[in-house]
Amino acid sequence: MVMVKVLLTILAWLARFFAWSFAVATLLGVFWMLLMRLQRGDRHPTMMSNGLTDAWGLTYAGRGGAILALLELVLLVGALWASGVRSLAYRSIGHLILILWAGLWTANAFYVFGDGSFGLIYLLPFFFLCACVRAALDLSRPSPPVAA
């Protein structure tokens, strides 16, 4: 029984770690796309298949692409912050945004690489699941009391 509890604790820690890692890595990726967009002004897709299929919501071109990248950055940083605060309402909103973000990446992987030609369709569902598990774990714990 103790071994099961230790194993579940380790799995919960790993789910939180991978969810945070995914959020931070994609945040840095979008930030890089924003810098590239501002520097050169080209079209920058995060996922592309033979130049024919671009990822929806993750391709940045023109002024609209720069605005989209900036909005995604602000939203993701806010969601990461909100997912760790005391307020259950803010945590719920933060986790919802992080789950939707992981879902956007996962759906785009299946849209762009639906034939399995690239390993993202096998990897991104794992990160989506980790985001869901992290949310379930964090939202099931009670809010700590506010210090007076």
Protein backbone atom coordinates (compact mmCIF):
# COMPACT_ATOMS: atom_id res chain seq x y z
CA MET A 1 0.00 0.00 0.00
CA VAL A 2 2.84 2.39 0.81
CA MET A 3 4.51 1.54 -2.50
CA VAL A 4 1.34 2.43 -4.42
CA LYS A 5 1.12 5.77 -2.61
CA VAL A 6 4.76 6.53 -3.45
CA LEU A 7 4.20 5.54 -7.08
CA LEU A 8 1.11 7.77 -7.34
CA THR A 9 3.03 10.66 -5.79
CA ILE A 10 5.81 10.25 -8.33
CA LEU A 11 3.34 10.02 -11.22
CA ALA A 12 1.55 13.15 -10.01
CA TRP A 13 4.85 15.01 -9.79
CA LEU A 14 5.81 13.85 -13.32
CA ALA A 15 2.45 14.95 -14.73
CA ARG A 16 2.90 18.40 -13.20
CA PHE A 17 6.48 18.59 -14.45
CA PHE A 18 5.59 17.63 -18.03
CA ALA A 19 2.58 19.98 -18.09
CA TRP A 20 4.73 22.90 -16.94
CA SER A 21 7.53 21.92 -19.32
CA PHE A 22 5.14 21.86 -22.26
CA ALA A 23 3.61 25.23 -21.35
CA VAL A 24 7.00 26.90 -20.90
CA ALA A 25 8.50 25.32 -24.05
CA THR A 26 5.57 26.41 -26.22
CA LEU A 27 5.62 29.84 -24.58
CA LEU A 28 9.27 30.20 -25.56
CA GLY A 29 8.47 28.92 -29.05
CA VAL A 30 5.76 31.52 -29.58
CA PHE A 31 8.06 34.19 -28.16
CA TRP A 32 10.71 33.13 -30.66
CA MET A 33 8.16 33.32 -33.48
CA LEU A 34 7.22 36.81 -32.34
CA LEU A 35 10.85 37.91 -32.34
CA MET A 36 11.38 36.41 -35.79
CA ARG A 37 8.22 38.07 -37.06
CA LEU A 38 9.28 41.45 -35.78
CA GLN A 39 12.78 40.99 -37.12
CA ARG A 40 12.12 39.76 -40.65
CA GLY A 41 8.42 40.02 -41.30
CA ASP A 42 8.11 36.54 -42.83
CA ARG A 43 5.41 33.94 -42.31
CA HIS A 44 6.33 31.65 -39.41
CA PRO A 45 4.37 28.42 -38.90
CA THR A 46 5.04 26.31 -35.83
CA MET A 47 3.91 23.21 -37.73
CA MET A 48 3.87 22.80 -41.50
CA SER A 49 3.52 19.83 -43.81
CA ASN A 50 5.20 20.27 -47.22
CA GLY A 51 4.14 23.90 -47.31
CA LEU A 52 0.52 22.85 -47.89
CA THR A 53 -1.04 22.61 -44.45
CA ASP A 54 -0.37 25.11 -41.68
CA ALA A 55 -1.32 24.86 -38.04
CA TRP A 56 -4.43 26.87 -37.22
CA GLY A 57 -3.76 29.52 -34.59
CA LEU A 58 -0.06 28.68 -34.53
CA THR A 59 1.05 30.27 -37.82
CA TYR A 60 2.18 33.87 -37.63
CA ALA A 61 2.26 36.14 -40.68
CA GLY A 62 2.11 39.89 -41.02
CA ARG A 63 0.90 42.32 -38.43
CA GLY A 64 -1.99 40.04 -37.50
CA GLY A 65 0.47 37.24 -36.80
CA ALA A 66 2.50 39.45 -34.49
CA ILE A 67 -0.65 40.49 -32.64
CA LEU A 68 -1.79 36.86 -32.39
CA ALA A 69 1.60 35.79 -31.00
CA LEU A 70 1.59 38.63 -28.49
CA LEU A 71 -1.96 37.81 -27.34
CA GLU A 72 -1.06 34.13 -26.99
CA LEU A 73 2.00 35.05 -24.94
CA VAL A 74 0.02 37.27 -22.59
CA LEU A 75 -2.76 34.69 -22.26
CA LEU A 76 -0.35 31.85 -21.57
CA VAL A 77 1.71 33.77 -19.01
CA GLY A 78 -1.52 34.80 -17.29
CA ALA A 79 -2.77 31.21 -17.30
CA LEU A 80 0.48 29.93 -15.82
CA TRP A 81 0.25 32.54 -13.08
CA ALA A 82 -3.45 31.93 -12.44
CA SER A 83 -3.01 28.16 -12.21
CA GLY A 84 -0.83 28.61 -9.14
CA VAL A 85 -2.74 31.19 -7.09
CA ARG A 86 -4.89 30.57 -4.02
CA SER A 87 -8.21 31.49 -5.54
CA LEU A 88 -10.03 28.44 -6.88
CA ALA A 89 -11.78 30.55 -9.54
CA TYR A 90 -8.47 31.88 -10.92
CA ARG A 91 -6.87 28.43 -10.75
CA SER A 92 -9.81 26.97 -12.68
CA ILE A 93 -9.56 29.59 -15.40
CA GLY A 94 -5.78 29.20 -15.61
CA HIS A 95 -6.00 25.43 -15.91
CA LEU A 96 -8.78 25.67 -18.49
CA ILE A 97 -6.64 27.94 -20.66
CA LEU A 98 -3.64 25.62 -20.29
CA ILE A 99 -5.75 22.60 -21.25
CA LEU A 100 -7.14 24.46 -24.26
CA TRP A 101 -3.59 25.47 -25.25
CA ALA A 102 -2.36 21.87 -25.10
CA GLY A 103 -5.51 20.82 -26.98
CA LEU A 104 -4.82 23.39 -29.71
CA TRP A 105 -1.34 22.00 -30.22
CA THR A 106 -2.60 18.41 -30.16
CA ALA A 107 -5.45 19.07 -32.60
CA ASN A 108 -3.07 20.87 -34.94
CA ALA A 109 -0.62 17.98 -34.83
CA PHE A 110 -3.39 15.65 -36.02
CA TYR A 111 -4.54 18.20 -38.60
CA VAL A 112 -1.09 18.87 -40.05
CA PHE A 113 0.51 15.45 -39.59
CA GLY A 114 -2.57 13.21 -39.66
CA ASP A 115 -0.76 10.53 -41.61
CA GLY A 116 1.71 10.01 -38.77
CA SER A 117 4.64 11.30 -40.82
CA PHE A 118 5.95 13.20 -37.81
CA GLY A 119 6.03 12.09 -34.20
CA LEU A 120 4.00 14.99 -32.81
CA ILE A 121 0.76 13.01 -33.06
CA TYR A 122 2.24 10.55 -30.61
CA LEU A 123 3.88 13.06 -28.27
CA LEU A 124 1.39 15.93 -27.94
CA PRO A 125 -1.53 13.83 -26.62
CA PHE A 126 0.78 12.89 -23.74
CA PHE A 127 1.29 16.57 -22.87
CA PHE A 128 -2.45 17.20 -23.22
CA LEU A 129 -3.10 14.37 -20.76
CA CYS A 130 -0.49 15.79 -18.36
CA ALA A 131 -2.20 19.20 -18.49
CA CYS A 132 -5.53 17.54 -17.68
CA VAL A 133 -4.03 15.51 -14.82
CA ARG A 134 -2.29 18.59 -13.40
CA ALA A 135 -5.58 20.49 -13.46
CA ALA A 136 -7.44 17.63 -11.78
CA LEU A 137 -4.79 17.35 -9.08
CA ASP A 138 -4.54 21.08 -8.42
CA LEU A 139 -8.28 21.73 -8.46
CA SER A 140 -9.04 18.83 -6.13
CA ARG A 141 -6.86 20.24 -3.35
CA PRO A 142 -8.44 22.86 -1.10
CA SER A 143 -7.34 26.46 -1.28
CA PRO A 144 -4.85 27.32 1.46
CA PRO A 145 -6.14 29.81 4.01
CA VAL A 146 -5.17 33.43 3.54
CA ALA A 147 -2.68 34.56 6.18
CA ALA A 148 -3.95 37.42 8.30
